[in-house]
Protein backbone atom coordinates (compact mmCIF):
# COMPACT_ATOMS: atom_id res chain seq x y z
CA MET A 1 91.50 66.67 48.66
CA ILE A 2 89.27 69.26 50.07
CA THR A 3 87.11 66.71 51.48
CA LYS A 4 90.24 64.48 53.00
CA ILE A 5 91.15 67.68 54.94
CA LEU A 6 87.73 67.97 56.18
CA ASN A 7 88.06 64.95 57.38
CA ASN A 8 90.91 64.78 59.90
CA VAL A 9 90.61 68.00 60.90
CA ALA A 10 87.34 69.83 60.81
CA ASP A 11 84.60 69.10 63.18
CA LEU A 12 81.45 69.01 60.94
CA PRO A 13 78.40 67.24 61.06
CA GLY A 14 79.06 64.37 58.79
CA THR A 15 82.51 64.27 58.64
CA GLN A 16 84.06 61.29 59.38
CA TYR A 17 86.03 63.20 62.15
CA ASN A 18 82.72 63.91 63.80
CA ARG A 19 81.23 60.86 63.87
CA GLY A 20 84.97 59.88 65.35
CA ILE A 21 84.00 62.25 68.06
CA LYS A 22 80.08 61.11 68.89
CA ALA A 23 81.10 57.27 68.85
CA GLY A 24 83.66 58.28 71.80
CA SER A 25 81.41 59.94 73.28
CA SER A 26 78.97 57.98 73.16
CA LEU A 27 81.36 54.91 74.03
CA ARG A 28 82.86 57.01 77.59
CA LYS A 29 79.30 57.75 78.07
CA GLU A 30 78.66 53.34 78.38
CA ILE A 31 81.74 53.00 80.47
CA ARG A 32 80.71 55.44 82.80
CA ALA A 33 76.98 54.26 83.05
CA ALA A 34 79.25 50.51 83.50
CA ILE A 35 81.09 52.06 86.00
CA LYS A 36 78.37 53.83 88.17
CA GLN A 37 76.06 50.77 88.20
CA ARG A 38 79.07 48.78 90.03
CA LYS A 39 80.38 50.76 92.00
CA HIS A 40 77.01 50.52 93.17
CA ASP A 41 76.21 47.69 93.73
CA LEU A 42 79.39 47.03 95.12
CA ALA A 43 78.34 49.80 97.49
CA GLU A 44 74.79 47.80 98.56
CA ASN A 45 77.29 44.85 98.60
CA LYS A 46 75.30 42.66 96.88
CA GLY A 47 77.40 39.90 96.80
CA LEU A 48 78.55 40.09 94.18
CA VAL A 49 82.35 39.45 93.18
CA VAL A 50 83.54 39.88 89.85
CA HIS A 51 86.69 39.06 89.21
CA ASP A 52 86.98 41.58 85.66
CA ILE A 53 89.28 43.21 84.63
CA LEU A 54 86.82 46.40 85.72
CA SER A 55 86.37 45.34 88.94
CA HIS A 56 90.76 44.95 89.40
CA LEU A 57 90.99 48.75 88.03
CA MET A 58 89.15 49.77 89.70
CA ALA A 59 90.03 48.04 93.41
CA ALA A 60 93.51 48.87 91.88
CA MET A 61 95.98 52.04 94.15
CA ASP A 62 98.74 53.80 92.45
CA GLU A 63 101.35 54.11 95.21
CA GLU A 64 99.79 56.84 97.31
CA GLY A 65 96.73 54.41 98.25
CA ARG A 66 94.65 56.67 95.82
CA TYR A 67 92.11 54.97 94.04
CA ILE A 68 92.08 55.75 90.04
CA SER A 69 90.13 58.70 89.17
CA GLU A 70 87.51 58.16 87.15
CA PRO A 71 88.57 59.78 84.04
CA ASP A 72 91.86 57.67 83.98
CA LEU A 73 89.24 54.46 84.50
CA ILE A 74 87.27 55.32 81.08
CA ASN A 75 90.45 56.09 79.96
CA MET A 76 91.92 52.67 80.23
CA ILE A 77 88.91 50.67 78.90
CA VAL A 78 89.06 52.11 76.29
CA THR A 79 92.64 51.91 75.20
CA LEU A 80 92.09 48.39 76.33
CA LEU A 81 89.37 48.12 73.21
CA LEU A 82 91.25 49.51 70.77
CA THR A 83 94.23 47.21 71.53
CA SER A 84 92.50 44.50 71.80
CA HIS A 85 90.61 44.81 68.56
CA ASP A 86 93.98 46.34 66.72
CA SER A 87 96.48 44.01 65.94
CA VAL A 88 98.41 42.53 67.81
CA SER A 89 102.08 44.99 66.41
CA ALA A 90 99.90 47.74 66.88
CA THR A 91 99.43 46.24 70.97
CA ILE A 92 103.16 46.62 71.02
CA THR A 93 103.14 50.00 69.19
CA ALA A 94 101.25 51.93 72.15
CA VAL A 95 102.73 50.29 74.47
CA VAL A 96 106.18 51.34 73.96
CA LYS A 97 104.24 55.07 73.29
CA PHE A 98 102.69 54.85 76.36
CA LEU A 99 106.56 53.60 78.26
CA ALA A 100 108.43 56.16 76.62
CA GLU A 101 106.23 58.31 78.16
CA ILE A 102 106.15 57.66 81.26
CA PRO A 103 110.06 56.06 81.85
CA SER A 104 108.73 54.88 85.59
CA VAL A 105 106.41 52.39 85.52
CA TYR A 106 108.90 49.81 83.50
CA VAL A 107 111.50 50.35 86.10
CA THR A 108 109.73 47.54 88.67
CA PRO A 109 109.23 45.05 85.43
CA ARG A 110 112.75 45.11 84.65
CA HIS A 111 113.83 44.71 87.47
CA PHE A 112 111.71 41.56 87.99
CA LEU A 113 113.10 40.28 85.06
CA SER A 114 116.37 41.12 85.74
CA ASN A 115 116.32 39.20 89.10
CA THR A 116 114.68 35.95 87.08
CA CYS A 117 116.07 35.94 84.20
């Protein structure tokens, strides 16, 4: 019982929680390196035209004309990796959670769907 509590709460060496924190940090480090490399390649104009999700997210701008920040970009990539690994129901649950947290996100799709259906 105590082991279960420590694994879920404490960031102690050897616990599942600690291994998860380390794995998450390692994953974010790899994604940060990929973003840095992609920015470097684009800055040098190596003629690489890559049409993947990372390129599209790096080129995306918000309503105010700002690019997505690196921490947000990393979180989006991690979310995509995790949701692609989970089942469809878990993905739908995450989408509903995000829509509930940021209701302004679904105004445009709802407007689009109401006009096309």
